């Protein structure tokens, strides 16, 4: 079917009346399934989002009492919100502006049947910083029906909902912590929220949940005023970031004793984080903690370098290896001059930024070529 203006008018006349909870069940199912199939193409998604008719109607069916119609409405919205422009429209149009908050509230109910589908939608929507900020503002309003404590508490209960695994709630949390005000709630020293997340850096049941929580911790590391607290015994974030990067290599006794307790005498079969993007994210978090002099000296004192040195020998992924090399170089280099001790405050001239980016690209190319080299055949 050609998705022209005439077709749109036809669909508005023939199908839009059935995209309502009050419509007859059989025709309602046919109508929403038609739109679900249309979202399989970019043209179809953009066509549905055009104008002001179809999106609110589809949103209304997510609350339908008919199970199949509601599920198809959620699946339709998952596909639609893969487009950033549609996510933005959903969150900023007056008649759907609270949609993200409304379904997030439902996600946090232990018996919500469509919690996973709804979580996928909110994680899509909050990828956009502007949408994450809008949802964060709604959460932070007085007497909001959703709180950050509730999100974290649900996320940290693995079997909270028997109908859903809720792994995408981790991505929602990561996206929300793009917003500084949310990060500061997560790191409120009196609420003990961030500490609940730390064990999940080695959560083996889901890469999605684990990645969302690692992303959350990385975002929190952008709050430089909190570095000393994050590294203190009250939180001990360094151990939780390093442990997934550690293998079972045998270290010298003097190297071992300088490591944090949790990193000492690991078993020979200790496995590293399997996902290269998550390994890179863990190292980038440590890199952020090195942006302040106090954090950098502490990380050096805790001998983090030896864990990263062994990781560098083991690492096969070019992008993760590049991050590892840059972090290793930072930890073994001399301390900068007094005026440049806090790296996040240093203004790097544009020409030097371009030079460093060129060096990174060259090194990444070298690592890629090295990895792509065929291994030499064994001698006969």
Protein backbone atom coordinates (compact mmCIF):
# COMPACT_ATOMS: atom_id res chain seq x y z
CA UNK A 1 0.00 0.00 0.00
CA UNK A 2 1.29 3.46 -0.90
CA UNK A 3 1.49 5.57 2.24
CA UNK A 4 0.29 8.84 0.74
CA UNK A 5 -2.09 11.48 2.07
CA UNK A 6 -5.08 9.75 0.52
CA UNK A 7 -4.17 6.52 2.32
CA UNK A 8 -3.82 8.38 5.59
CA UNK A 9 -7.27 9.88 5.24
CA UNK A 10 -8.64 6.44 4.41
CA UNK A 11 -7.04 4.87 7.51
CA UNK A 12 -8.26 7.69 9.73
CA UNK A 13 -11.78 7.13 8.47
CA UNK A 14 -11.80 3.31 8.38
CA UNK A 15 -9.45 2.16 11.19
CA UNK A 16 -8.94 5.03 13.65
CA UNK A 17 -12.45 4.60 15.18
CA UNK A 18 -11.46 1.05 16.17
CA UNK A 19 -8.24 2.09 17.94
CA UNK A 20 -10.12 2.78 21.16
CA UNK A 21 -10.76 0.60 24.23
CA UNK A 22 -14.52 0.88 23.63
CA UNK A 23 -14.35 -0.60 20.13
CA UNK A 24 -15.58 -4.11 19.39
CA UNK A 25 -12.89 -6.65 20.35
CA UNK A 26 -12.50 -8.40 16.99
CA UNK A 27 -12.17 -5.27 14.85
CA UNK A 28 -9.98 -3.59 17.46
CA UNK A 29 -7.55 -6.52 17.26
CA UNK A 30 -7.48 -6.31 13.47
CA UNK A 31 -6.87 -2.56 13.55
CA UNK A 32 -3.96 -2.60 16.02
CA UNK A 33 -2.38 -5.62 14.31
CA UNK A 34 -2.50 -3.69 11.02
CA UNK A 35 -0.54 -0.82 12.59
CA UNK A 36 1.88 -3.20 14.29
CA UNK A 37 2.75 -4.72 10.91
CA UNK A 38 3.14 -1.24 9.45
CA UNK A 39 5.87 -0.43 12.02
CA UNK A 40 8.13 -3.01 10.38
CA UNK A 41 9.37 -0.30 7.99
CA UNK A 42 10.76 3.16 8.61
CA UNK A 43 8.24 4.59 6.15
CA UNK A 44 5.41 2.95 8.10
CA UNK A 45 6.67 4.25 11.44
CA UNK A 46 6.98 7.80 10.13
CA UNK A 47 3.54 7.57 8.51
CA UNK A 48 1.90 6.56 11.82
CA UNK A 49 3.65 9.35 13.71
CA UNK A 50 2.64 12.00 11.20
CA UNK A 51 -0.21 14.20 12.39
CA UNK A 52 -1.98 13.95 15.73
CA UNK A 53 -4.33 10.99 15.38
CA UNK A 54 -2.70 7.57 15.45
CA UNK A 55 -0.11 7.87 18.25
CA UNK A 56 -2.56 8.88 21.02
CA UNK A 57 -4.98 6.18 19.85
CA UNK A 58 -2.29 3.49 20.03
CA UNK A 59 -1.21 4.74 23.46
CA UNK A 60 -4.82 4.48 24.68
CA UNK A 61 -4.88 0.77 23.80
CA UNK A 62 -1.98 -0.01 26.18
CA UNK A 63 -4.59 0.14 28.94
CA UNK A 64 -7.08 -2.04 27.10
CA UNK A 65 -8.72 -4.87 29.04
CA UNK A 66 -8.31 -7.17 26.05
CA UNK A 67 -4.89 -8.83 26.52
CA UNK A 68 -3.97 -9.29 22.85
CA UNK A 69 -4.93 -5.75 21.85
CA UNK A 70 -2.93 -4.24 24.72
CA UNK A 71 0.11 -6.40 23.94
CA UNK A 72 0.03 -5.43 20.27
CA UNK A 73 -0.23 -1.78 21.28
CA UNK A 74 2.91 -2.13 23.40
CA UNK A 75 4.75 -3.97 20.61
CA UNK A 76 3.72 -1.26 18.16
CA UNK A 77 5.12 1.42 20.47
CA UNK A 78 8.39 -0.49 20.92
CA UNK A 79 8.91 -0.31 17.16
CA UNK A 80 7.74 3.29 16.91
CA UNK A 81 10.06 4.51 19.69
CA UNK A 82 13.06 3.06 17.88
CA UNK A 83 12.80 6.37 15.98
CA UNK A 84 14.16 9.27 18.03
CA UNK A 85 11.77 11.73 16.42
CA UNK A 86 8.79 9.65 17.51
CA UNK A 87 10.13 9.26 21.05
CA UNK A 88 10.52 13.02 21.24
CA UNK A 89 6.99 13.57 19.93
CA UNK A 90 5.49 11.11 22.43
CA UNK A 91 7.11 12.87 25.37
CA UNK A 92 6.52 16.44 24.25
CA UNK A 93 2.96 16.36 22.88
CA UNK A 94 0.43 17.53 25.44
CA UNK A 95 -1.90 14.53 25.12
CA UNK A 96 0.92 11.96 25.61
CA UNK A 97 3.47 13.97 27.64
CA UNK A 98 3.04 11.87 30.80
CA UNK A 99 3.05 8.56 28.91
CA UNK A 100 6.62 7.71 29.99
CA UNK A 101 5.89 8.37 33.66
CA UNK A 102 2.55 6.57 33.52
CA UNK A 103 3.94 3.31 32.14
CA UNK A 104 7.06 3.53 34.32
CA UNK A 105 4.67 3.60 37.28
CA UNK A 106 3.03 0.44 35.93
CA UNK A 107 6.42 -1.24 35.36
CA UNK A 108 7.14 -0.88 39.09
CA UNK A 109 4.04 -2.90 40.01
CA UNK A 110 4.90 -6.52 40.78
CA UNK A 111 1.92 -7.93 38.87
CA UNK A 112 2.07 -5.86 35.68
CA UNK A 113 1.83 -8.33 32.79
CA UNK A 114 3.45 -6.12 30.15
CA UNK A 115 6.32 -4.82 32.29
CA UNK A 116 9.04 -5.98 29.89
CA UNK A 117 7.37 -4.49 26.83
CA UNK A 118 6.75 -1.23 28.69
CA UNK A 119 10.36 -1.13 29.94
CA UNK A 120 11.61 -1.53 26.36
CA UNK A 121 9.54 1.50 25.35
CA UNK A 122 10.81 3.69 28.20
CA UNK A 123 14.41 2.64 27.56
CA UNK A 124 13.95 3.64 23.90
CA UNK A 125 12.42 6.98 24.81
CA UNK A 126 15.04 7.91 27.40
CA UNK A 127 17.95 7.33 25.04
CA UNK A 128 17.32 10.92 23.99
CA UNK A 129 18.83 13.30 26.59
CA UNK A 130 15.90 15.73 26.23
CA UNK A 131 13.37 12.95 26.90
CA UNK A 132 15.43 11.61 29.81
CA UNK A 133 15.48 15.13 31.25
CA UNK A 134 11.71 15.53 30.86
CA UNK A 135 11.00 12.18 32.53
CA UNK A 136 13.52 12.98 35.28
CA UNK A 137 11.78 16.30 35.94
CA UNK A 138 8.45 14.48 36.24
CA UNK A 139 9.96 11.95 38.66
CA UNK A 140 11.48 14.74 40.74
CA UNK A 141 8.25 16.70 41.15
CA UNK A 142 6.77 16.75 44.62
CA UNK A 143 4.51 13.75 45.36
CA UNK A 144 5.49 12.01 42.12
CA UNK A 145 4.07 8.48 41.83
CA UNK A 146 7.55 7.25 40.81
CA UNK A 147 10.70 7.66 42.90
CA UNK A 148 14.32 6.78 42.19
CA UNK A 149 14.44 4.65 45.33
CA UNK A 150 11.55 2.55 44.00
CA UNK A 151 13.23 2.10 40.60
CA UNK A 152 16.47 0.91 42.22
CA UNK A 153 14.71 -1.31 44.75
CA UNK A 154 12.74 -3.06 41.98
CA UNK A 155 15.83 -3.37 39.80
CA UNK A 156 17.75 -5.02 42.62
CA UNK A 157 15.03 -7.65 43.24
CA UNK A 158 15.72 -10.24 40.57
CA UNK A 159 12.40 -12.09 40.84
CA UNK A 160 10.23 -9.06 41.59
CA UNK A 161 7.66 -9.74 38.85
CA UNK A 162 6.76 -13.32 37.91
CA UNK A 163 5.52 -12.07 34.52
CA UNK A 164 8.67 -10.18 33.54
CA UNK A 165 12.47 -10.19 33.98
CA UNK A 166 12.72 -6.35 34.05
CA UNK A 167 16.26 -6.33 32.66
CA UNK A 168 15.51 -3.21 30.60
CA UNK A 169 14.87 -1.30 33.82
CA UNK A 170 18.68 -1.20 34.08
CA UNK A 171 18.88 0.70 30.78
CA UNK A 172 16.16 3.09 31.96
CA UNK A 173 18.20 3.85 35.08
CA UNK A 174 21.34 4.36 33.01
CA UNK A 175 19.51 6.74 30.68
CA UNK A 176 18.00 8.71 33.56
CA UNK A 177 21.45 9.21 35.10
CA UNK A 178 22.34 11.33 32.09
CA UNK A 179 20.61 13.98 34.23
CA UNK A 180 22.83 15.45 37.02
CA UNK A 181 19.92 15.81 39.47
CA UNK A 182 19.19 12.07 39.17
CA UNK A 183 22.86 11.19 39.66
CA UNK A 184 22.93 13.19 42.88
CA UNK A 185 19.92 11.28 44.22
CA UNK A 186 21.60 7.98 43.36
CA UNK A 187 24.67 9.18 45.30
CA UNK A 188 22.86 10.76 48.23
CA UNK A 189 25.06 9.68 51.15
CA UNK A 190 22.08 9.20 53.45
CA UNK A 191 20.02 7.00 51.12
CA UNK A 192 22.54 4.21 50.35
CA UNK A 193 21.20 3.79 46.80
CA UNK A 194 24.40 3.42 44.79
CA UNK A 195 25.66 0.69 47.13
CA UNK A 196 22.71 -1.52 46.15
CA UNK A 197 23.79 -1.39 42.51
CA UNK A 198 27.44 -2.36 42.95
CA UNK A 199 27.03 -6.17 43.16
CA UNK A 200 25.37 -6.14 39.73
CA UNK A 201 28.64 -5.38 37.91
CA UNK A 202 29.02 -9.18 37.88
CA UNK A 203 25.37 -10.13 37.39
CA UNK A 204 25.62 -13.12 35.05
CA UNK A 205 21.95 -13.64 34.23
CA UNK A 206 21.57 -10.64 31.92
CA UNK A 207 24.00 -8.54 29.89
CA UNK A 208 21.24 -5.93 29.53
CA UNK A 209 20.71 -5.46 33.28
CA UNK A 210 24.43 -5.64 34.00
CA UNK A 211 25.18 -3.15 31.24
CA UNK A 212 22.51 -0.75 32.45
CA UNK A 213 23.93 -0.72 35.95
CA UNK A 214 27.52 -0.34 34.72
CA UNK A 215 26.29 2.57 32.59
CA UNK A 216 24.65 4.08 35.67
CA UNK A 217 27.89 3.83 37.64
CA UNK A 218 29.85 5.36 34.76
CA UNK A 219 27.44 8.31 34.65
CA UNK A 220 27.78 8.77 38.41
CA UNK A 221 31.56 9.05 37.97
CA UNK A 222 30.99 12.32 36.07
CA UNK A 223 30.10 13.95 39.42
CA UNK A 224 33.65 14.89 40.40
CA UNK A 225 32.71 16.25 43.82
CA UNK A 226 31.63 12.72 44.80
CA UNK A 227 34.85 10.94 43.81
CA UNK A 228 36.37 10.79 47.28
CA UNK A 229 33.13 9.33 48.68
CA UNK A 230 32.75 6.81 45.84
CA UNK A 231 36.30 5.59 46.42
CA UNK A 232 35.97 5.51 50.20
CA UNK A 233 35.15 2.40 52.22
CA UNK A 234 31.53 3.62 52.38
CA UNK A 235 31.11 2.70 48.71
CA UNK A 236 34.36 1.09 47.47
CA UNK A 237 33.42 1.56 43.84
CA UNK A 238 36.94 0.81 42.56
CA UNK A 239 36.84 -2.83 43.64
CA UNK A 240 33.47 -3.34 41.93
CA UNK A 241 34.73 -1.76 38.69
CA UNK A 242 37.99 -3.72 38.67
CA UNK A 243 36.68 -7.16 39.64
CA UNK A 244 34.92 -7.87 36.30
CA UNK A 245 38.15 -6.85 34.51
CA UNK A 246 40.35 -9.23 36.50
CA UNK A 247 41.36 -12.69 35.36
CA UNK A 248 42.98 -15.51 37.24
CA UNK A 249 46.60 -14.66 36.37
CA UNK A 250 49.19 -15.30 39.04
CA UNK A 251 50.69 -12.07 40.34
CA UNK A 252 53.83 -11.38 42.33
CA UNK A 253 53.24 -11.33 46.07
CA UNK A 254 54.17 -7.67 46.44
CA UNK A 255 51.79 -6.72 43.61
CA UNK A 256 49.03 -8.80 45.15
CA UNK A 257 49.27 -7.23 48.59
CA UNK A 258 48.80 -3.71 47.22
CA UNK A 259 45.49 -4.60 45.57
CA UNK A 260 42.10 -4.07 47.24
CA UNK A 261 41.15 -7.14 49.31
CA UNK A 262 38.45 -8.24 46.86
CA UNK A 263 41.05 -8.44 44.07
CA UNK A 264 43.60 -10.53 45.95
CA UNK A 265 44.15 -14.26 45.37
CA UNK A 266 41.47 -14.71 42.75
CA UNK A 267 40.99 -18.31 41.56
CA UNK A 268 42.86 -19.39 38.39
CA UNK A 269 39.55 -19.93 36.57
CA UNK A 270 38.27 -16.39 37.29
CA UNK A 271 36.38 -15.15 34.22
CA UNK A 272 36.49 -11.59 32.93
CA UNK A 273 33.48 -9.62 31.72
CA UNK A 274 32.53 -11.28 28.44
CA UNK A 275 31.12 -8.22 26.63
CA UNK A 276 33.82 -5.91 25.17
CA UNK A 277 31.54 -2.86 25.29
CA UNK A 278 30.97 -3.40 29.01
CA UNK A 279 34.70 -3.92 29.61
CA UNK A 280 35.30 -0.59 27.88
CA UNK A 281 32.57 1.06 29.98
CA UNK A 282 34.11 -0.24 33.21
CA UNK A 283 37.49 1.17 32.22
CA UNK A 284 35.96 4.47 31.15
CA UNK A 285 34.41 4.72 34.62
CA UNK A 286 37.84 4.27 36.20
CA UNK A 287 39.21 6.84 33.74
CA UNK A 288 36.61 9.33 34.98
CA UNK A 289 37.67 8.68 38.55
CA UNK A 290 41.23 9.51 37.46
CA UNK A 291 40.11 12.98 36.35
CA UNK A 292 40.66 14.33 39.88
CA UNK A 293 44.06 14.26 41.55
CA UNK A 294 42.71 12.61 44.69
CA UNK A 295 40.99 9.87 42.70
CA UNK A 296 44.00 9.25 40.45
CA UNK A 297 46.44 8.94 43.35
CA UNK A 298 44.09 6.57 45.18
CA UNK A 299 43.71 4.33 42.12
CA UNK A 300 47.48 4.27 41.66
CA UNK A 301 47.95 3.44 45.35
CA UNK A 302 45.52 0.53 45.05
CA UNK A 303 47.68 -0.90 42.26
CA UNK A 304 44.84 -0.98 39.73
CA UNK A 305 47.50 -0.87 37.02
CA UNK A 306 48.45 -4.54 37.45
CA UNK A 307 44.87 -5.67 36.79
CA UNK A 308 44.74 -3.51 33.68
CA UNK A 309 48.21 -4.63 32.57
CA UNK A 310 47.07 -8.27 32.56
CA UNK A 311 43.82 -7.28 30.86
CA UNK A 312 45.79 -5.51 28.11
CA UNK A 313 47.73 -8.71 27.41
CA UNK A 314 44.48 -10.69 27.22
CA UNK A 315 42.23 -8.20 25.41
CA UNK A 316 41.33 -9.01 21.79
CA UNK A 317 38.71 -6.36 21.04
CA UNK A 318 40.44 -3.35 19.39
CA UNK A 319 38.20 -0.67 20.96
CA UNK A 320 38.40 -2.12 24.47
CA UNK A 321 42.17 -2.58 24.08
CA UNK A 322 42.54 1.09 23.11
CA UNK A 323 40.66 2.21 26.24
CA UNK A 324 42.80 -0.13 28.33
CA UNK A 325 46.03 1.22 26.87
CA UNK A 326 45.04 4.84 27.48
CA UNK A 327 44.11 4.05 31.08
CA UNK A 328 47.35 2.14 31.68
CA UNK A 329 49.35 5.05 30.29
CA UNK A 330 47.51 7.47 32.55
CA UNK A 331 48.25 5.35 35.64
CA UNK A 332 51.98 4.90 34.97
CA UNK A 333 52.64 8.46 33.80
CA UNK A 334 54.12 11.17 35.99
CA UNK A 335 51.71 13.48 37.78
CA UNK A 336 50.94 16.69 35.84
CA UNK A 337 51.93 20.18 36.96
CA UNK A 338 50.01 21.69 39.86
CA UNK A 339 47.80 23.80 37.58
CA UNK A 340 46.73 20.71 35.60
CA UNK A 341 46.16 18.20 38.43
CA UNK A 342 42.39 18.05 37.93
CA UNK A 343 42.21 16.80 34.37
CA UNK A 344 38.52 17.59 33.92
CA UNK A 345 39.27 21.29 34.40
CA UNK A 346 42.04 21.43 31.79
CA UNK A 347 41.12 23.15 28.52
CA UNK A 348 42.74 21.21 25.70
CA UNK A 349 43.26 23.33 22.56
CA UNK A 350 41.34 22.16 19.51
CA UNK A 351 44.49 21.36 17.52
CA UNK A 352 45.70 19.08 20.32
CA UNK A 353 42.30 17.39 20.58
CA UNK A 354 42.48 16.65 16.85
CA UNK A 355 46.03 15.34 17.24
CA UNK A 356 45.05 13.01 20.08
CA UNK A 357 42.02 11.77 18.14
CA UNK A 358 44.29 11.01 15.16
CA UNK A 359 46.67 9.08 17.41
CA UNK A 360 43.75 7.10 18.83
CA UNK A 361 42.48 6.24 15.36
CA UNK A 362 45.95 5.12 14.27
CA UNK A 363 46.32 2.95 17.36
CA UNK A 364 42.84 1.51 16.88
CA UNK A 365 43.75 0.64 13.30
CA UNK A 366 46.93 -1.08 14.50
CA UNK A 367 45.00 -3.14 17.07
CA UNK A 368 42.39 -4.07 14.46
CA UNK A 369 45.00 -5.18 11.94
CA UNK A 370 46.84 -7.12 14.62
CA UNK A 371 43.66 -8.94 15.59
CA UNK A 372 42.80 -9.72 11.96
CA UNK A 373 46.19 -11.28 11.21
CA UNK A 374 45.86 -15.02 10.58
CA UNK A 375 47.57 -17.06 13.25
CA UNK A 376 50.63 -18.88 11.94
CA UNK A 377 50.11 -22.55 11.26
CA UNK A 378 51.91 -25.00 13.57
CA UNK A 379 55.02 -26.56 12.15
CA UNK A 380 54.85 -30.16 10.97
